Amino acid sequence: MKKKIFIALMASVSLFALAACGSGNKQVTAGGSTALQPMIEHASMAYMKQNPDEIIMVQGGGSGVGLAQVAAGSFQIGNSDIFAEEKSGIAVDKIIDHKVAVIGFAPIINKKLKVSNLTQQELIDIFTGKITNWKEVGGQDQKITVIGRTAGSGTRVNFDKYALNGATEVNGPTQDASGSVVQLVGQTPGAISYVAFSYTNKPGVKAVNVDGVAPNYDNVKTNAWKIWSYEHMYTNKSRKNTIENKFIEYVQNDKKTLEQLGYIRVSEMKVDRDAKGNVEKIK
């Protein structure tokens, strides 16, 4: 599925590229976070229709890739679910942060499981391997299969930090993209993982509450649901090109699409959180 989406996207981009030939076309590569990727893909197509001489190439790879590549100058925009300060080895002084949205993350399980709520401690115990059967948390007698994300994933960084309180996940199968996670959880009896809200309504999976709190937008806005992050689009300070800033502004102002795809506008948040995880109410 991921391959088909990529091919379709590249084909569409190629059409725009051909149309722009001879008119001084300009190209920007935006890559990184797969949690933000659905929004960037959608926005890039709409943006290029309005600006046919400008090409936006979209890639995934994970937040770590986005941050590293924009700092190195290989990407013009690095998409990330985490602050650059949270990722070691990133030249923070070379890049500029643009917060474009907020996204929630939720634990998801195979839809056939008869569990709708977990305490945070149960969640920690499952992902660290202390709880290994769903009957231990009120479900059926079914072995738990924990599916994680690969190193460099912003989704993993945020889930480990805010859902697991920094605990180390048990070794097990991992996936490098949110779409792959959903597919594997849906196909694996007893599976559990975590994804951005925008992926929780996919076939074969369902999100679960944590400590009785539902994973929804209103709870994220007040920090009642604590597993969330800003979506960042980083640019390189050395770049004088204004296309990046134009496109980022376009993404920030596309309220309808942000909401349709499961993101929250930064201006709608009732709290603010810094790179260290400190939360303050917005007055």
Protein backbone atom coordinates (compact mmCIF):
# COMPACT_ATOMS: atom_id res chain seq x y z
CA MET A 1 0.00 0.00 0.00
CA LYS A 2 2.80 2.40 0.94
CA LYS A 3 4.52 1.68 -2.38
CA LYS A 4 1.32 2.37 -4.35
CA ILE A 5 0.77 5.68 -2.55
CA PHE A 6 4.37 6.70 -3.22
CA ILE A 7 4.12 5.81 -6.91
CA ALA A 8 0.84 7.68 -7.28
CA LEU A 9 2.27 10.72 -5.57
CA MET A 10 5.41 10.70 -7.66
CA ALA A 11 3.34 10.35 -10.83
CA SER A 12 1.27 13.37 -9.86
CA VAL A 13 4.39 15.36 -9.06
CA SER A 14 5.87 14.40 -12.43
CA LEU A 15 2.86 15.86 -14.21
CA PHE A 16 3.34 19.12 -12.38
CA ALA A 17 7.05 19.04 -13.17
CA LEU A 18 6.36 18.61 -16.89
CA ALA A 19 3.84 21.43 -16.85
CA ALA A 20 6.36 23.68 -15.17
CA CYS A 21 9.22 23.00 -17.59
CA GLY A 22 10.41 26.11 -19.36
CA SER A 23 8.81 28.44 -16.83
CA GLY A 24 11.69 28.60 -14.34
CA ASN A 25 10.40 25.84 -12.07
CA LYS A 26 11.64 25.63 -8.50
CA GLN A 27 11.75 22.49 -6.40
CA VAL A 28 11.57 21.86 -2.65
CA THR A 29 11.94 18.51 -0.91
CA ALA A 30 9.96 18.10 2.31
CA GLY A 31 10.68 14.86 4.15
CA GLY A 32 10.73 13.16 7.53
CA SER A 33 7.79 12.50 9.84
CA THR A 34 5.29 9.92 8.59
CA ALA A 35 2.75 11.23 11.14
CA LEU A 36 2.75 14.59 9.34
CA GLN A 37 3.14 13.08 5.87
CA PRO A 38 -0.62 12.79 5.04
CA MET A 39 -1.03 16.53 5.57
CA ILE A 40 2.09 17.43 3.58
CA GLU A 41 1.09 15.18 0.68
CA HIS A 42 -2.39 16.68 0.52
CA ALA A 43 -1.15 20.25 0.92
CA SER A 44 1.60 19.85 -1.68
CA MET A 45 -0.86 18.81 -4.40
CA ALA A 46 -3.20 21.71 -3.66
CA TYR A 47 -0.29 24.15 -3.39
CA MET A 48 1.20 23.11 -6.74
CA LYS A 49 -2.15 23.59 -8.47
CA GLN A 50 -2.04 27.20 -7.32
CA ASN A 51 1.69 27.56 -8.02
CA PRO A 52 2.44 25.45 -11.13
CA ASP A 53 6.03 26.71 -11.43
CA GLU A 54 6.91 25.37 -7.97
CA ILE A 55 7.47 21.67 -7.18
CA ILE A 56 7.05 20.16 -3.70
CA MET A 57 8.55 16.67 -3.41
CA VAL A 58 7.31 14.73 -0.35
CA GLN A 59 9.20 11.92 1.38
CA GLY A 60 8.84 9.98 4.65
CA GLY A 61 11.68 8.33 6.51
CA GLY A 62 10.88 9.43 10.07
CA SER A 63 11.55 12.55 12.12
CA GLY A 64 15.22 11.72 12.65
CA VAL A 65 15.77 11.59 8.90
CA GLY A 66 13.91 14.86 8.40
CA LEU A 67 15.98 16.69 11.01
CA ALA A 68 19.31 15.29 9.85
CA GLN A 69 18.65 15.96 6.17
CA VAL A 70 17.42 19.54 6.59
CA ALA A 71 20.42 20.35 8.81
CA ALA A 72 22.70 18.87 6.13
CA GLY A 73 20.93 20.81 3.39
CA SER A 74 19.66 17.73 1.54
CA PHE A 75 16.03 18.54 2.37
CA GLN A 76 14.71 22.08 2.16
CA ILE A 77 12.05 21.19 4.76
CA GLY A 78 12.52 18.62 7.51
CA ASN A 79 9.24 17.38 8.99
CA SER A 80 9.41 16.23 12.60
CA ASP A 81 7.18 15.15 15.50
CA ILE A 82 9.87 16.19 17.97
CA PHE A 83 11.90 19.29 18.76
CA ALA A 84 15.34 19.21 17.18
CA GLU A 85 16.78 19.53 20.69
CA GLU A 86 15.37 16.10 21.54
CA LYS A 87 17.41 14.36 18.85
CA SER A 88 21.13 13.90 19.47
CA GLY A 89 23.55 14.81 16.71
CA ILE A 90 21.36 17.49 15.11
CA ALA A 91 22.97 20.88 14.42
CA VAL A 92 20.18 22.89 16.04
CA ASP A 93 21.94 26.20 15.32
CA LYS A 94 21.61 25.56 11.56
CA ILE A 95 17.84 25.15 11.39
CA ILE A 96 14.67 27.13 12.11
CA ASP A 97 11.57 25.64 13.73
CA HIS A 98 8.09 26.26 12.32
CA LYS A 99 5.29 24.70 14.38
CA VAL A 100 2.46 23.93 11.97
CA ALA A 101 0.09 21.74 13.96
CA VAL A 102 -0.45 19.51 16.97
CA ILE A 103 -1.09 15.78 16.74
CA GLY A 104 -2.17 13.21 19.27
CA PHE A 105 -0.84 9.66 19.45
CA ALA A 106 -2.76 6.68 20.75
CA PRO A 107 -2.17 3.02 21.50
CA ILE A 108 -3.95 0.82 18.96
CA ILE A 109 -4.84 -2.87 19.20
CA ASN A 110 -6.17 -5.53 16.88
CA LYS A 111 -9.89 -4.83 16.51
CA LYS A 112 -10.91 -8.34 17.65
CA LEU A 113 -9.53 -7.78 21.14
CA LYS A 114 -12.12 -7.14 23.85
CA VAL A 115 -10.25 -4.33 25.59
CA SER A 116 -11.24 -0.66 25.51
CA ASN A 117 -9.22 0.88 28.34
CA LEU A 118 -5.78 0.43 29.89
CA THR A 119 -4.21 2.18 32.84
CA GLN A 120 -0.93 3.90 32.12
CA GLN A 121 0.85 1.37 34.32
CA GLU A 122 -0.71 -1.50 32.35
CA LEU A 123 0.45 0.18 29.16
CA ILE A 124 3.98 0.47 30.52
CA ASP A 125 3.95 -3.15 31.67
CA ILE A 126 2.75 -4.35 28.26
CA PHE A 127 5.36 -2.43 26.29
CA THR A 128 8.17 -3.46 28.65
CA GLY A 129 7.20 -7.13 28.54
CA LYS A 130 5.91 -7.54 32.10
CA ILE A 131 2.35 -8.24 30.92
CA THR A 132 2.26 -10.79 28.10
CA ASN A 133 -1.37 -11.93 27.86
CA TRP A 134 -4.54 -9.90 27.35
CA LYS A 135 -6.36 -11.83 30.08
CA GLU A 136 -4.11 -10.00 32.58
CA VAL A 137 -5.85 -6.72 31.69
CA GLY A 138 -9.43 -7.96 31.31
CA GLY A 139 -9.26 -9.30 27.77
CA GLN A 140 -9.41 -12.79 26.32
CA ASP A 141 -6.73 -15.45 26.72
CA GLN A 142 -4.52 -14.16 23.91
CA LYS A 143 -0.77 -13.62 23.73
CA ILE A 144 0.25 -9.97 23.38
CA THR A 145 2.42 -9.05 20.40
CA VAL A 146 4.08 -5.65 20.84
CA ILE A 147 4.87 -3.86 17.58
CA GLY A 148 7.19 -0.89 17.90
CA ARG A 149 8.68 1.80 15.71
CA THR A 150 12.25 1.93 14.48
CA ALA A 151 14.87 4.21 16.03
CA GLY A 152 14.57 7.74 14.68
CA SER A 153 10.78 7.70 14.71
CA GLY A 154 9.28 10.81 16.28
CA THR A 155 6.15 8.83 17.05
CA ARG A 156 8.24 6.43 19.14
CA VAL A 157 10.07 9.23 20.93
CA ASN A 158 6.79 10.86 21.94
CA PHE A 159 5.07 7.62 22.92
CA ASP A 160 8.01 6.46 25.03
CA LYS A 161 8.28 9.86 26.68
CA TYR A 162 4.64 10.65 27.42
CA ALA A 163 2.92 7.24 27.52
CA LEU A 164 5.68 5.05 28.96
CA ASN A 165 7.35 7.68 31.17
CA GLY A 166 10.67 6.98 29.48
CA ALA A 167 10.59 3.20 29.92
CA THR A 168 12.45 1.08 27.37
CA GLU A 169 10.26 -0.93 25.01
CA VAL A 170 10.64 -4.69 24.88
CA ASN A 171 12.48 -6.05 21.83
CA GLY A 172 10.09 -7.13 19.11
CA PRO A 173 8.98 -6.45 15.55
CA THR A 174 9.28 -2.83 14.43
CA GLN A 175 7.99 -0.83 11.49
CA ASP A 176 9.39 2.34 9.93
CA ALA A 177 6.08 3.96 8.94
CA SER A 178 2.67 4.53 10.51
CA GLY A 179 0.82 2.89 7.63
CA SER A 180 2.89 -0.27 8.01
CA VAL A 181 2.17 -0.34 11.74
CA VAL A 182 -1.59 -0.20 11.16
CA GLN A 183 -1.42 -2.96 8.57
CA LEU A 184 0.62 -5.27 10.80
CA VAL A 185 -1.52 -4.69 13.91
CA GLY A 186 -4.66 -5.39 11.89
CA GLN A 187 -3.20 -8.63 10.56
CA THR A 188 -1.72 -9.90 13.84
CA PRO A 189 -3.99 -11.43 16.52
CA GLY A 190 -3.26 -9.90 19.93
CA ALA A 191 -1.14 -7.07 18.52
CA ILE A 192 -0.67 -3.64 20.08
CA SER A 193 1.24 -0.59 18.87
CA TYR A 194 0.83 3.19 18.64
CA VAL A 195 0.14 5.70 15.88
CA ALA A 196 -0.98 9.26 15.29
CA PHE A 197 -4.72 9.96 15.62
CA SER A 198 -4.96 10.25 11.83
CA TYR A 199 -4.28 6.50 11.55
CA THR A 200 -6.51 5.18 14.36
CA ASN A 201 -9.65 4.79 12.24
CA LYS A 202 -8.10 2.41 9.73
CA PRO A 203 -9.61 -1.07 9.13
CA GLY A 204 -8.62 -3.84 11.53
CA VAL A 205 -7.50 -1.66 14.44
CA LYS A 206 -8.99 0.41 17.25
CA ALA A 207 -7.64 2.93 19.73
CA VAL A 208 -7.90 2.38 23.48
CA ASN A 209 -8.45 4.83 26.32
CA VAL A 210 -5.74 5.37 28.92
CA ASP A 211 -6.81 5.81 32.55
CA GLY A 212 -10.35 6.35 31.33
CA VAL A 213 -9.38 9.30 29.11
CA ALA A 214 -10.34 9.06 25.45
CA PRO A 215 -7.81 9.89 22.72
CA ASN A 216 -9.57 12.84 21.11
CA TYR A 217 -8.83 16.41 20.07
CA ASP A 218 -10.58 18.15 22.99
CA ASN A 219 -8.55 16.15 25.51
CA VAL A 220 -5.32 16.94 23.68
CA LYS A 221 -6.06 20.68 23.70
CA THR A 222 -6.21 20.72 27.52
CA ASN A 223 -3.46 18.12 28.04
CA ALA A 224 -5.98 15.74 29.63
CA TRP A 225 -4.62 13.37 26.96
CA LYS A 226 -0.88 13.72 27.41
CA ILE A 227 0.38 11.71 24.44
CA TRP A 228 0.72 14.46 21.85
CA SER A 229 3.31 16.59 20.14
CA TYR A 230 3.78 19.58 17.91
CA GLU A 231 4.31 18.93 14.23
CA HIS A 232 7.37 20.86 13.10
CA MET A 233 8.55 21.88 9.66
CA TYR A 234 12.21 22.84 9.95
CA THR A 235 14.11 24.92 7.40
CA ASN A 236 17.83 25.53 6.98
CA LYS A 237 19.06 28.98 8.01
CA SER A 238 21.40 29.18 5.01
CA ARG A 239 18.52 29.02 2.55
CA LYS A 240 17.42 32.33 1.05
CA ASN A 241 14.66 30.70 -0.99
CA THR A 242 11.18 31.84 0.00
CA ILE A 243 9.30 28.83 -1.43
CA GLU A 244 9.74 26.90 1.83
CA ASN A 245 8.20 29.70 3.88
CA LYS A 246 5.34 30.13 1.41
CA PHE A 247 4.50 26.44 1.55
CA ILE A 248 4.78 26.26 5.34
CA GLU A 249 2.44 29.23 5.68
CA TYR A 250 0.03 27.49 3.33
CA VAL A 251 0.05 24.38 5.54
CA GLN A 252 -0.47 26.41 8.71
CA ASN A 253 -3.48 28.21 7.26
CA ASP A 254 -5.22 25.18 5.75
CA LYS A 255 -7.53 24.74 8.75
CA LYS A 256 -10.09 22.59 6.94
CA THR A 257 -7.58 19.99 5.77
CA LEU A 258 -5.73 19.96 9.09
CA GLU A 259 -8.95 19.10 10.90
CA GLN A 260 -10.12 16.59 8.29
CA LEU A 261 -6.83 14.68 8.53
CA GLY A 262 -6.75 14.62 12.33
CA TYR A 263 -4.48 17.51 13.26
CA ILE A 264 -5.06 20.47 15.58
CA ARG A 265 -4.08 24.05 14.83
CA VAL A 266 -1.48 25.36 17.27
CA SER A 267 -3.69 28.39 17.98
CA GLU A 268 -6.42 26.10 19.35
CA MET A 269 -4.24 24.68 22.13
CA LYS A 270 -5.03 25.71 25.70
CA VAL A 271 -1.56 24.68 26.87
CA ASP A 272 2.00 25.06 25.66
CA ARG A 273 4.77 22.47 26.02
CA ASP A 274 8.51 22.93 25.58
CA ALA A 275 11.19 20.50 24.42
CA LYS A 276 11.72 19.26 27.98
CA GLY A 277 8.05 18.37 28.37
CA ASN A 278 7.14 21.25 30.68
CA VAL A 279 3.49 22.26 30.24
CA GLU A 280 1.99 25.68 30.92
CA LYS A 281 -1.56 26.91 30.50
CA ILE A 282 -1.95 29.57 27.82
CA LYS A 283 -3.40 32.73 29.33
